[in-house]
Amino acid sequence: MPHRIMMIRPKLDDLHSVALPEPYTIRWYRDGDARHWTAVKSAADEHHHAPPDYHAQLYRAHLDELRQRQAFVCDGSGTPVGTGTAWWFENLGDPSLGKINWMLIAPATQGRGLAKPLLEACCARLAALGHTRAALYTLAQRLPAINLYRSFGFVPLLRHAADAHAWAATSPLMKQPFAEAENLHAAELDIDGAALSD
């Protein structure tokens, strides 16, 4: 079974703007965008197959928050081809830690430089909403995503021994492996690792 790992960007006050290539634009959630999110996720995510109402399961209770927290990359015709959400950890009780949730780019537009500007927009939105650091979940086999997050200042967040083992296996496969000293432990960051467990 794939191991779900975490990464953290320990601060959000040093973000640098990342240019989005033309003709793409980034906008925030509007009514009806659940179908676009579902279409992008269905096309882009080979590791997690969700039911058609998965967006509603995740976000129905927070529709007002979506308008300022869920981003869409749109092509020249305005059609969403990517999405990312600047969320929070609902079980954590720590408002300083924002959550990058479901970063997805449709396969037909991958490799066009869309993911990093989308990630920057989501991190900047977290900072604007008062979060001072950002974390995310991913799977150990999602190496392109892990490489992207590393290039944007995210490092491993270790909750328990299984995370350390997963990173020891994953890091050597990366474009730029992490040194063990780069790993950050939830306890030393005053984060409740148990609240973030799978």
N, C-alpha and C. Protein backbone atom coordinates (compact mmCIF):
# COMPACT_ATOMS: atom_id res chain seq x y z
N MET A 1 0.85 -1.19 0.00
CA MET A 1 0.00 0.00 0.00
C MET A 1 0.89 1.25 0.00
N PRO A 2 0.58 2.23 -0.83
CA PRO A 2 1.42 3.44 -0.89
C PRO A 2 1.43 4.17 0.45
N HIS A 3 2.59 4.71 0.80
CA HIS A 3 2.70 5.45 2.05
C HIS A 3 2.41 6.92 1.80
N ARG A 4 1.49 7.47 2.58
CA ARG A 4 1.18 8.89 2.47
C ARG A 4 2.17 9.66 3.34
N ILE A 5 2.91 10.54 2.71
CA ILE A 5 3.93 11.31 3.41
C ILE A 5 3.51 12.78 3.47
N MET A 6 4.25 13.56 4.24
CA MET A 6 3.94 14.98 4.37
C MET A 6 5.19 15.81 4.08
N MET A 7 4.92 17.03 3.62
CA MET A 7 5.98 18.02 3.43
C MET A 7 5.50 19.34 4.02
N ILE A 8 6.46 20.17 4.41
CA ILE A 8 6.12 21.45 5.02
C ILE A 8 7.02 22.55 4.46
N ARG A 9 6.43 23.72 4.30
CA ARG A 9 7.20 24.94 4.01
C ARG A 9 7.15 25.75 5.29
N PRO A 10 8.28 25.84 6.02
CA PRO A 10 8.24 26.38 7.38
C PRO A 10 7.88 27.85 7.48
N LYS A 11 7.95 28.59 6.40
CA LYS A 11 7.53 29.98 6.45
C LYS A 11 6.97 30.40 5.09
N LEU A 12 6.11 31.42 5.13
CA LEU A 12 5.45 31.90 3.92
C LEU A 12 5.74 33.38 3.65
N ASP A 13 6.70 33.94 4.40
CA ASP A 13 6.98 35.37 4.22
C ASP A 13 8.12 35.62 3.24
N ASP A 14 8.54 34.58 2.53
CA ASP A 14 9.64 34.74 1.57
C ASP A 14 9.25 34.24 0.18
N LEU A 15 7.97 34.31 -0.14
CA LEU A 15 7.49 33.82 -1.43
C LEU A 15 7.93 34.76 -2.56
N HIS A 16 8.20 34.17 -3.70
CA HIS A 16 8.55 34.96 -4.89
C HIS A 16 7.54 34.65 -5.98
N SER A 17 7.09 35.69 -6.67
CA SER A 17 6.10 35.51 -7.73
C SER A 17 6.66 34.62 -8.84
N VAL A 18 5.84 33.70 -9.31
CA VAL A 18 6.22 32.80 -10.40
C VAL A 18 5.31 33.10 -11.59
N ALA A 19 5.90 33.44 -12.71
CA ALA A 19 5.11 33.85 -13.88
C ALA A 19 4.32 32.67 -14.44
N LEU A 20 3.08 32.94 -14.78
CA LEU A 20 2.22 31.95 -15.43
C LEU A 20 2.32 32.18 -16.93
N PRO A 21 2.62 31.14 -17.70
CA PRO A 21 2.76 31.35 -19.15
C PRO A 21 1.44 31.75 -19.80
N GLU A 22 1.54 32.55 -20.84
CA GLU A 22 0.34 32.91 -21.61
C GLU A 22 -0.10 31.70 -22.42
N PRO A 23 -1.41 31.57 -22.67
CA PRO A 23 -2.52 32.47 -22.32
C PRO A 23 -3.21 32.07 -21.03
N TYR A 24 -2.54 31.33 -20.15
CA TYR A 24 -3.19 30.80 -18.97
C TYR A 24 -3.40 31.88 -17.91
N THR A 25 -4.45 31.71 -17.12
CA THR A 25 -4.78 32.62 -16.02
C THR A 25 -5.16 31.79 -14.80
N ILE A 26 -5.11 32.42 -13.63
CA ILE A 26 -5.55 31.79 -12.39
C ILE A 26 -6.72 32.60 -11.85
N ARG A 27 -7.77 31.91 -11.49
CA ARG A 27 -8.92 32.54 -10.84
C ARG A 27 -9.35 31.67 -9.67
N TRP A 28 -10.31 32.20 -8.87
CA TRP A 28 -10.76 31.50 -7.67
C TRP A 28 -12.17 30.95 -7.87
N TYR A 29 -12.55 30.06 -7.00
CA TYR A 29 -13.79 29.29 -7.14
C TYR A 29 -15.02 30.15 -7.40
N ARG A 30 -15.83 29.65 -8.32
CA ARG A 30 -17.15 30.24 -8.60
C ARG A 30 -18.19 29.13 -8.51
N ASP A 31 -19.45 29.50 -8.35
CA ASP A 31 -20.52 28.51 -8.33
C ASP A 31 -20.44 27.65 -9.58
N GLY A 32 -20.55 26.34 -9.41
CA GLY A 32 -20.51 25.42 -10.53
C GLY A 32 -19.14 24.84 -10.82
N ASP A 33 -18.12 25.34 -10.11
CA ASP A 33 -16.75 24.87 -10.39
C ASP A 33 -16.49 23.46 -9.86
N ALA A 34 -17.39 22.91 -9.05
CA ALA A 34 -17.18 21.54 -8.57
C ALA A 34 -17.05 20.57 -9.74
N ARG A 35 -17.81 20.81 -10.81
CA ARG A 35 -17.72 19.89 -11.96
C ARG A 35 -16.37 20.02 -12.65
N HIS A 36 -15.80 21.23 -12.70
CA HIS A 36 -14.48 21.41 -13.30
C HIS A 36 -13.40 20.73 -12.45
N TRP A 37 -13.52 20.90 -11.12
CA TRP A 37 -12.57 20.27 -10.21
C TRP A 37 -12.62 18.75 -10.39
N THR A 38 -13.81 18.21 -10.46
CA THR A 38 -13.98 16.76 -10.61
C THR A 38 -13.40 16.28 -11.94
N ALA A 39 -13.61 17.05 -13.00
CA ALA A 39 -13.08 16.65 -14.31
C ALA A 39 -11.56 16.66 -14.31
N VAL A 40 -10.95 17.69 -13.71
CA VAL A 40 -9.49 17.76 -13.66
C VAL A 40 -8.95 16.62 -12.80
N LYS A 41 -9.56 16.39 -11.65
CA LYS A 41 -9.08 15.32 -10.77
C LYS A 41 -9.19 13.96 -11.45
N SER A 42 -10.31 13.71 -12.12
CA SER A 42 -10.50 12.42 -12.78
C SER A 42 -9.44 12.18 -13.84
N ALA A 43 -9.08 13.24 -14.56
CA ALA A 43 -8.08 13.12 -15.62
C ALA A 43 -6.66 13.01 -15.08
N ALA A 44 -6.40 13.72 -13.97
CA ALA A 44 -5.01 13.88 -13.53
C ALA A 44 -4.55 12.87 -12.48
N ASP A 45 -5.48 12.31 -11.72
CA ASP A 45 -5.08 11.52 -10.55
C ASP A 45 -5.25 10.02 -10.80
N GLU A 46 -4.15 9.37 -11.09
CA GLU A 46 -4.18 7.93 -11.35
C GLU A 46 -4.09 7.10 -10.07
N HIS A 47 -3.79 7.74 -8.96
CA HIS A 47 -3.56 7.00 -7.72
C HIS A 47 -4.77 6.96 -6.78
N HIS A 48 -5.74 7.84 -7.01
CA HIS A 48 -6.89 7.92 -6.12
C HIS A 48 -8.15 8.10 -6.96
N HIS A 49 -9.01 7.10 -6.91
CA HIS A 49 -10.25 7.15 -7.69
C HIS A 49 -11.40 7.50 -6.75
N ALA A 50 -11.96 8.68 -6.94
CA ALA A 50 -12.97 9.19 -6.03
C ALA A 50 -14.36 9.11 -6.65
N PRO A 51 -15.40 9.05 -5.82
CA PRO A 51 -16.77 9.06 -6.34
C PRO A 51 -17.10 10.42 -6.95
N PRO A 52 -18.14 10.49 -7.77
CA PRO A 52 -18.49 11.76 -8.44
C PRO A 52 -18.79 12.91 -7.49
N ASP A 53 -19.23 12.60 -6.27
CA ASP A 53 -19.57 13.67 -5.33
C ASP A 53 -18.42 13.97 -4.35
N TYR A 54 -17.20 13.60 -4.71
CA TYR A 54 -16.08 13.76 -3.79
C TYR A 54 -15.82 15.22 -3.43
N HIS A 55 -15.95 16.11 -4.39
CA HIS A 55 -15.78 17.54 -4.10
C HIS A 55 -16.76 17.98 -3.02
N ALA A 56 -18.00 17.55 -3.15
CA ALA A 56 -19.02 17.91 -2.15
C ALA A 56 -18.67 17.31 -0.79
N GLN A 57 -18.17 16.08 -0.78
CA GLN A 57 -17.79 15.46 0.48
C GLN A 57 -16.71 16.27 1.18
N LEU A 58 -15.77 16.78 0.42
CA LEU A 58 -14.66 17.53 1.00
C LEU A 58 -15.04 18.95 1.41
N TYR A 59 -15.83 19.62 0.58
CA TYR A 59 -15.95 21.07 0.71
C TYR A 59 -17.36 21.61 0.91
N ARG A 60 -18.40 20.76 0.86
CA ARG A 60 -19.78 21.25 0.91
C ARG A 60 -20.04 22.13 2.13
N ALA A 61 -19.43 21.80 3.26
CA ALA A 61 -19.67 22.57 4.49
C ALA A 61 -18.96 23.92 4.50
N HIS A 62 -18.14 24.18 3.50
CA HIS A 62 -17.32 25.41 3.52
C HIS A 62 -17.36 26.14 2.16
N LEU A 63 -18.52 26.21 1.56
CA LEU A 63 -18.61 26.80 0.22
C LEU A 63 -18.14 28.26 0.20
N ASP A 64 -18.44 29.02 1.25
CA ASP A 64 -17.99 30.41 1.28
C ASP A 64 -16.47 30.50 1.31
N GLU A 65 -15.82 29.58 2.02
CA GLU A 65 -14.36 29.57 2.07
C GLU A 65 -13.76 29.24 0.71
N LEU A 66 -14.44 28.40 -0.06
CA LEU A 66 -13.90 28.01 -1.37
C LEU A 66 -13.65 29.21 -2.26
N ARG A 67 -14.50 30.23 -2.15
CA ARG A 67 -14.38 31.39 -3.05
C ARG A 67 -13.05 32.12 -2.89
N GLN A 68 -12.42 31.97 -1.74
CA GLN A 68 -11.12 32.61 -1.55
C GLN A 68 -9.99 31.61 -1.39
N ARG A 69 -10.31 30.30 -1.41
CA ARG A 69 -9.27 29.32 -1.13
C ARG A 69 -9.02 28.30 -2.24
N GLN A 70 -9.95 28.14 -3.19
CA GLN A 70 -9.74 27.14 -4.24
C GLN A 70 -9.45 27.83 -5.57
N ALA A 71 -8.26 27.56 -6.10
CA ALA A 71 -7.80 28.21 -7.33
C ALA A 71 -7.95 27.29 -8.52
N PHE A 72 -8.12 27.90 -9.68
CA PHE A 72 -8.18 27.17 -10.95
C PHE A 72 -7.25 27.84 -11.96
N VAL A 73 -6.43 27.03 -12.62
CA VAL A 73 -5.69 27.51 -13.78
C VAL A 73 -6.58 27.29 -14.98
N CYS A 74 -6.78 28.34 -15.77
CA CYS A 74 -7.65 28.25 -16.95
C CYS A 74 -6.85 28.49 -18.22
N ASP A 75 -7.26 27.81 -19.28
CA ASP A 75 -6.58 28.01 -20.56
C ASP A 75 -7.11 29.27 -21.25
N GLY A 76 -6.68 29.50 -22.47
CA GLY A 76 -7.05 30.73 -23.17
C GLY A 76 -8.53 30.90 -23.39
N SER A 77 -9.29 29.81 -23.37
CA SER A 77 -10.74 29.89 -23.56
C SER A 77 -11.48 29.96 -22.22
N GLY A 78 -10.73 29.97 -21.12
CA GLY A 78 -11.36 30.06 -19.80
C GLY A 78 -11.71 28.72 -19.18
N THR A 79 -11.32 27.63 -19.82
CA THR A 79 -11.62 26.31 -19.29
C THR A 79 -10.59 25.90 -18.24
N PRO A 80 -11.03 25.50 -17.04
CA PRO A 80 -10.07 25.07 -16.01
C PRO A 80 -9.30 23.82 -16.44
N VAL A 81 -7.99 23.88 -16.29
CA VAL A 81 -7.12 22.75 -16.63
C VAL A 81 -6.25 22.35 -15.44
N GLY A 82 -6.40 23.04 -14.33
CA GLY A 82 -5.64 22.73 -13.13
C GLY A 82 -6.33 23.34 -11.92
N THR A 83 -6.03 22.80 -10.75
CA THR A 83 -6.64 23.32 -9.53
C THR A 83 -5.73 23.05 -8.33
N GLY A 84 -5.85 23.89 -7.34
CA GLY A 84 -5.17 23.72 -6.06
C GLY A 84 -5.96 24.47 -5.01
N THR A 85 -5.89 24.02 -3.77
CA THR A 85 -6.71 24.62 -2.73
C THR A 85 -5.83 25.04 -1.55
N ALA A 86 -6.01 26.27 -1.11
CA ALA A 86 -5.29 26.83 0.04
C ALA A 86 -6.16 26.62 1.27
N TRP A 87 -6.05 25.46 1.88
CA TRP A 87 -6.99 25.02 2.91
C TRP A 87 -6.36 25.09 4.29
N TRP A 88 -6.92 24.36 5.23
CA TRP A 88 -6.39 24.27 6.58
C TRP A 88 -6.58 22.84 7.09
N PHE A 89 -5.92 22.50 8.19
CA PHE A 89 -6.03 21.18 8.77
C PHE A 89 -7.17 21.20 9.79
N GLU A 90 -8.29 20.63 9.40
CA GLU A 90 -9.51 20.76 10.19
C GLU A 90 -9.41 20.09 11.56
N ASN A 91 -8.56 19.08 11.72
CA ASN A 91 -8.45 18.37 12.99
C ASN A 91 -7.29 18.85 13.85
N LEU A 92 -6.56 19.84 13.38
CA LEU A 92 -5.31 20.19 14.07
C LEU A 92 -5.48 21.25 15.15
N GLY A 93 -6.32 22.23 14.92
CA GLY A 93 -6.47 23.29 15.89
C GLY A 93 -5.29 24.24 15.94
N ASP A 94 -4.54 24.32 14.85
CA ASP A 94 -3.38 25.21 14.78
C ASP A 94 -3.55 26.11 13.55
N PRO A 95 -4.06 27.33 13.74
CA PRO A 95 -4.33 28.18 12.59
C PRO A 95 -3.09 28.67 11.85
N SER A 96 -1.91 28.49 12.45
CA SER A 96 -0.70 28.95 11.77
C SER A 96 -0.37 28.07 10.56
N LEU A 97 -0.82 26.80 10.60
CA LEU A 97 -0.45 25.84 9.57
C LEU A 97 -1.54 25.72 8.52
N GLY A 98 -1.25 26.23 7.32
CA GLY A 98 -2.17 26.07 6.20
C GLY A 98 -1.89 24.78 5.46
N LYS A 99 -2.83 24.39 4.63
CA LYS A 99 -2.75 23.11 3.92
C LYS A 99 -2.89 23.33 2.42
N ILE A 100 -1.92 22.85 1.67
CA ILE A 100 -2.05 22.80 0.22
C ILE A 100 -2.77 21.50 -0.11
N ASN A 101 -3.94 21.62 -0.69
CA ASN A 101 -4.82 20.47 -0.86
C ASN A 101 -5.15 20.25 -2.33
N TRP A 102 -4.94 19.01 -2.78
CA TRP A 102 -5.31 18.58 -4.14
C TRP A 102 -4.77 19.50 -5.22
N MET A 103 -3.47 19.51 -5.37
CA MET A 103 -2.81 20.18 -6.50
C MET A 103 -2.88 19.25 -7.71
N LEU A 104 -3.57 19.68 -8.75
CA LEU A 104 -3.82 18.82 -9.91
C LEU A 104 -3.71 19.62 -11.21
N ILE A 105 -3.02 19.07 -12.18
CA ILE A 105 -2.94 19.65 -13.52
C ILE A 105 -3.38 18.57 -14.51
N ALA A 106 -4.31 18.89 -15.39
CA ALA A 106 -4.79 17.93 -16.37
C ALA A 106 -3.63 17.44 -17.24
N PRO A 107 -3.60 16.15 -17.57
CA PRO A 107 -2.46 15.59 -18.32
C PRO A 107 -2.13 16.33 -19.61
N ALA A 108 -3.14 16.80 -20.33
CA ALA A 108 -2.90 17.46 -21.61
C ALA A 108 -2.12 18.76 -21.47
N THR A 109 -2.10 19.33 -20.26
CA THR A 109 -1.40 20.61 -20.06
C THR A 109 -0.23 20.48 -19.08
N GLN A 110 0.10 19.27 -18.68
CA GLN A 110 1.27 19.09 -17.83
C GLN A 110 2.54 19.39 -18.61
N GLY A 111 3.56 19.86 -17.91
CA GLY A 111 4.82 20.19 -18.55
C GLY A 111 4.86 21.56 -19.19
N ARG A 112 3.85 22.37 -18.94
CA ARG A 112 3.79 23.72 -19.53
C ARG A 112 4.09 24.83 -18.52
N GLY A 113 4.59 24.46 -17.35
CA GLY A 113 4.95 25.47 -16.36
C GLY A 113 3.76 26.02 -15.61
N LEU A 114 2.71 25.22 -15.42
CA LEU A 114 1.50 25.70 -14.74
C LEU A 114 1.50 25.39 -13.25
N ALA A 115 2.13 24.31 -12.85
CA ALA A 115 2.02 23.85 -11.46
C ALA A 115 2.69 24.81 -10.48
N LYS A 116 3.86 25.29 -10.80
CA LYS A 116 4.58 26.14 -9.84
C LYS A 116 3.87 27.48 -9.61
N PRO A 117 3.39 28.15 -10.66
CA PRO A 117 2.62 29.37 -10.39
C PRO A 117 1.35 29.11 -9.59
N LEU A 118 0.71 27.97 -9.84
CA LEU A 118 -0.48 27.61 -9.07
C LEU A 118 -0.12 27.39 -7.61
N LEU A 119 0.96 26.68 -7.36
CA LEU A 119 1.42 26.45 -5.99
C LEU A 119 1.76 27.76 -5.31
N GLU A 120 2.43 28.66 -6.02
CA GLU A 120 2.77 29.96 -5.45
C GLU A 120 1.51 30.75 -5.12
N ALA A 121 0.51 30.71 -6.00
CA ALA A 121 -0.75 31.43 -5.74
C ALA A 121 -1.44 30.90 -4.50
N CYS A 122 -1.42 29.58 -4.33
CA CYS A 122 -2.06 28.98 -3.16
C CYS A 122 -1.29 29.32 -1.88
N CYS A 123 0.03 29.28 -1.93
CA CYS A 123 0.83 29.64 -0.76
C CYS A 123 0.64 31.12 -0.41
N ALA A 124 0.60 31.97 -1.42
CA ALA A 124 0.39 33.40 -1.18
C ALA A 124 -0.99 33.65 -0.58
N ARG A 125 -1.98 32.89 -1.03
CA ARG A 125 -3.31 33.05 -0.46
C ARG A 125 -3.34 32.59 1.00
N LEU A 126 -2.65 31.50 1.31
CA LEU A 126 -2.55 31.08 2.70
C LEU A 126 -1.94 32.19 3.56
N ALA A 127 -0.86 32.79 3.06
CA ALA A 127 -0.22 33.88 3.81
C ALA A 127 -1.18 35.05 3.99
N ALA A 128 -1.91 35.39 2.94
CA ALA A 128 -2.86 36.51 3.01
C ALA A 128 -3.98 36.24 4.01
N LEU A 129 -4.29 34.97 4.22
CA LEU A 129 -5.36 34.59 5.14
C LEU A 129 -4.84 34.35 6.57
N GLY A 130 -3.56 34.64 6.79
CA GLY A 130 -3.03 34.60 8.15
C GLY A 130 -2.23 33.37 8.52
N HIS A 131 -2.11 32.41 7.61
CA HIS A 131 -1.28 31.24 7.89
C HIS A 131 0.20 31.63 7.73
N THR A 132 1.07 31.08 8.55
CA THR A 132 2.49 31.45 8.49
C THR A 132 3.37 30.33 7.95
N ARG A 133 2.80 29.16 7.75
CA ARG A 133 3.52 28.03 7.17
C ARG A 133 2.51 27.13 6.47
N ALA A 134 3.01 26.27 5.59
CA ALA A 134 2.11 25.43 4.80
C ALA A 134 2.63 24.01 4.77
N ALA A 135 1.71 23.06 4.82
CA ALA A 135 2.06 21.65 4.73
C ALA A 135 1.13 20.96 3.75
N LEU A 136 1.49 19.77 3.34
CA LEU A 136 0.67 19.02 2.39
C LEU A 136 0.93 17.53 2.55
N TYR A 137 -0.04 16.75 2.12
CA TYR A 137 0.12 15.31 2.00
C TYR A 137 0.42 14.98 0.54
N THR A 138 1.19 13.95 0.32
CA THR A 138 1.35 13.38 -1.01
C THR A 138 1.68 11.90 -0.83
N LEU A 139 1.82 11.20 -1.93
CA LEU A 139 2.19 9.79 -1.88
C LEU A 139 3.65 9.65 -2.28
N ALA A 140 4.32 8.68 -1.67
CA ALA A 140 5.75 8.50 -1.91
C ALA A 140 6.06 8.25 -3.38
N GLN A 141 5.12 7.68 -4.13
CA GLN A 141 5.41 7.40 -5.54
C GLN A 141 5.14 8.59 -6.47
N ARG A 142 4.66 9.68 -5.94
CA ARG A 142 4.39 10.87 -6.77
C ARG A 142 5.68 11.71 -6.90
N LEU A 143 6.67 11.16 -7.52
CA LEU A 143 7.97 11.85 -7.58
C LEU A 143 7.92 13.19 -8.29
N PRO A 144 7.21 13.34 -9.42
CA PRO A 144 7.16 14.67 -10.04
C PRO A 144 6.59 15.73 -9.10
N ALA A 145 5.56 15.37 -8.34
CA ALA A 145 4.99 16.32 -7.40
C ALA A 145 5.97 16.63 -6.28
N ILE A 146 6.64 15.60 -5.77
CA ILE A 146 7.61 15.82 -4.69
C ILE A 146 8.75 16.71 -5.16
N ASN A 147 9.22 16.49 -6.38
CA ASN A 147 10.26 17.36 -6.94
C ASN A 147 9.78 18.80 -7.06
N LEU A 148 8.53 18.98 -7.48
CA LEU A 148 7.96 20.33 -7.57
C LEU A 148 7.94 20.98 -6.19
N TYR A 149 7.42 20.28 -5.20
CA TYR A 149 7.31 20.86 -3.87
C TYR A 149 8.69 21.19 -3.31
N ARG A 150 9.66 20.32 -3.57
CA ARG A 150 11.02 20.60 -3.10
C ARG A 150 11.56 21.88 -3.72
N SER A 151 11.30 22.06 -5.02
CA SER A 151 11.80 23.25 -5.71
C SER A 151 11.15 24.53 -5.19
N PHE A 152 10.06 24.37 -4.47
CA PHE A 152 9.35 25.54 -3.94
C PHE A 152 9.53 25.67 -2.42
N GLY A 153 10.50 24.98 -1.87
CA GLY A 153 10.85 25.19 -0.47
C GLY A 153 10.19 24.25 0.52
N PHE A 154 9.50 23.24 0.05
CA PHE A 154 8.92 22.25 0.96
C PHE A 154 9.95 21.18 1.29
N VAL A 155 9.94 20.74 2.54
CA VAL A 155 10.86 19.70 3.01
C VAL A 155 10.04 18.62 3.73
N PRO A 156 10.63 17.44 3.97
CA PRO A 156 9.88 16.39 4.65
C PRO A 156 9.45 16.79 6.05
N LEU A 157 8.20 16.44 6.38
CA LEU A 157 7.66 16.62 7.72
C LEU A 157 7.43 15.22 8.30
N LEU A 158 8.18 14.88 9.31
CA LEU A 158 8.14 13.54 9.89
C LEU A 158 7.22 13.51 11.11
N ARG A 159 6.20 12.64 11.02
CA ARG A 159 5.26 12.48 12.13
C ARG A 159 5.61 11.29 13.00
N HIS A 160 6.20 10.27 12.40
CA HIS A 160 6.47 9.02 13.10
C HIS A 160 7.55 8.26 12.33
N ALA A 161 7.95 7.14 12.88
CA ALA A 161 9.07 6.38 12.30
C ALA A 161 8.78 5.92 10.88
N ALA A 162 7.53 5.62 10.57
CA ALA A 162 7.19 5.16 9.22
C ALA A 162 7.50 6.23 8.18
N ASP A 163 7.32 7.50 8.56
CA ASP A 163 7.65 8.60 7.63
C ASP A 163 9.15 8.61 7.34
N ALA A 164 9.96 8.44 8.38
CA ALA A 164 11.41 8.44 8.18
C ALA A 164 11.83 7.32 7.24
N HIS A 165 11.23 6.16 7.39
CA HIS A 165 11.54 5.03 6.50
C HIS A 165 11.10 5.33 5.07
N ALA A 166 9.91 5.93 4.92
CA ALA A 166 9.41 6.24 3.58
C ALA A 166 10.30 7.26 2.88
N TRP A 167 10.73 8.28 3.61
CA TRP A 167 11.61 9.27 3.01
C TRP A 167 12.99 8.70 2.70
N ALA A 168 13.48 7.79 3.52
CA ALA A 168 14.78 7.17 3.24
C ALA A 168 14.74 6.41 1.93
N ALA A 169 13.58 5.85 1.58
CA ALA A 169 13.43 5.14 0.32
C ALA A 169 13.14 6.08 -0.84
N THR A 170 12.42 7.16 -0.59
CA THR A 170 11.96 8.06 -1.65
C THR A 170 13.02 9.07 -2.06
N SER A 171 13.69 9.65 -1.09
CA SER A 171 14.62 10.74 -1.38
C SER A 171 15.69 10.41 -2.42
N PRO A 172 16.30 9.21 -2.36
CA PRO A 172 17.33 8.91 -3.36
C PRO A 172 16.82 8.88 -4.80
N LEU A 173 15.51 8.76 -4.98
CA LEU A 173 14.92 8.70 -6.32
C LEU A 173 14.63 10.09 -6.89
N MET A 174 14.78 11.12 -6.08
CA MET A 174 14.44 12.47 -6.50
C MET A 174 15.54 13.09 -7.36
N LYS A 175 15.18 14.15 -8.08
CA LYS A 175 16.17 14.90 -8.86
C LYS A 175 17.25 15.46 -7.94
N GLN A 176 16.81 15.99 -6.81
CA GLN A 176 17.74 16.54 -5.81
C GLN A 176 17.35 15.95 -4.45
N PRO A 177 17.97 14.85 -4.07
CA PRO A 177 17.60 14.19 -2.81
C PRO A 177 17.73 15.11 -1.60
N PHE A 178 16.90 14.86 -0.61
CA PHE A 178 17.00 15.59 0.64
C PHE A 178 18.13 15.03 1.49
N ALA A 179 18.88 15.91 2.13
CA ALA A 179 19.80 15.48 3.17
C ALA A 179 18.99 15.22 4.43
N GLU A 180 19.44 14.29 5.24
CA GLU A 180 18.68 13.96 6.45
C GLU A 180 18.48 15.18 7.33
N ALA A 181 19.43 16.09 7.31
CA ALA A 181 19.32 17.29 8.15
C ALA A 181 18.19 18.22 7.71
N GLU A 182 17.69 18.03 6.49
CA GLU A 182 16.59 18.88 6.02
C GLU A 182 15.24 18.43 6.55
N ASN A 183 15.16 17.19 7.03
CA ASN A 183 13.90 16.69 7.57
C ASN A 183 13.51 17.48 8.81
N LEU A 184 12.23 17.79 8.92
CA LEU A 184 11.71 18.47 10.10
C LEU A 184 10.72 17.55 10.80
N HIS A 185 10.83 17.49 12.12
CA HIS A 185 9.96 16.62 12.91
C HIS A 185 8.79 17.42 13.47
N ALA A 186 7.61 16.82 13.40
CA ALA A 186 6.41 17.51 13.87
C ALA A 186 6.58 17.99 15.31
N ALA A 187 7.15 17.16 16.16
CA ALA A 187 7.27 17.52 17.58
C ALA A 187 8.13 18.76 17.78
N GLU A 188 9.22 18.88 17.02
CA GLU A 188 10.10 20.03 17.20
C GLU A 188 9.49 21.31 16.64
N LEU A 189 8.45 21.17 15.83
CA LEU A 189 7.75 22.33 15.28
C LEU A 189 6.48 22.63 16.06
N ASP A 190 6.30 21.94 17.19
CA ASP A 190 5.08 22.10 18.02
C ASP A 190 3.82 21.80 17.23
N ILE A 191 3.92 20.76 16.38
CA ILE A 191 2.76 20.28 15.62
C ILE A 191 2.36 18.93 16.19
N ASP A 192 1.08 18.72 16.37
CA ASP A 192 0.57 17.45 16.88
C ASP A 192 0.60 16.42 15.76
N GLY A 193 1.67 15.63 15.72
CA GLY A 193 1.82 14.65 14.67
C GLY A 193 0.69 13.64 14.63
N ALA A 194 0.13 13.30 15.79
CA ALA A 194 -0.96 12.33 15.84
C ALA A 194 -2.20 12.87 15.12
N ALA A 195 -2.42 14.18 15.20
CA ALA A 195 -3.58 14.77 14.53
C ALA A 195 -3.42 14.76 13.02
N LEU A 196 -2.18 14.60 12.55
CA LEU A 196 -1.91 14.58 11.12
C LEU A 196 -1.73 13.17 10.59
N SER A 197 -1.90 12.17 11.45
CA SER A 197 -1.66 10.79 11.02
C SER A 197 -2.74 10.30 10.08
N ASP A 198 -2.38 9.30 9.27
CA ASP A 198 -3.32 8.74 8.31
C ASP A 198 -4.49 8.07 9.05
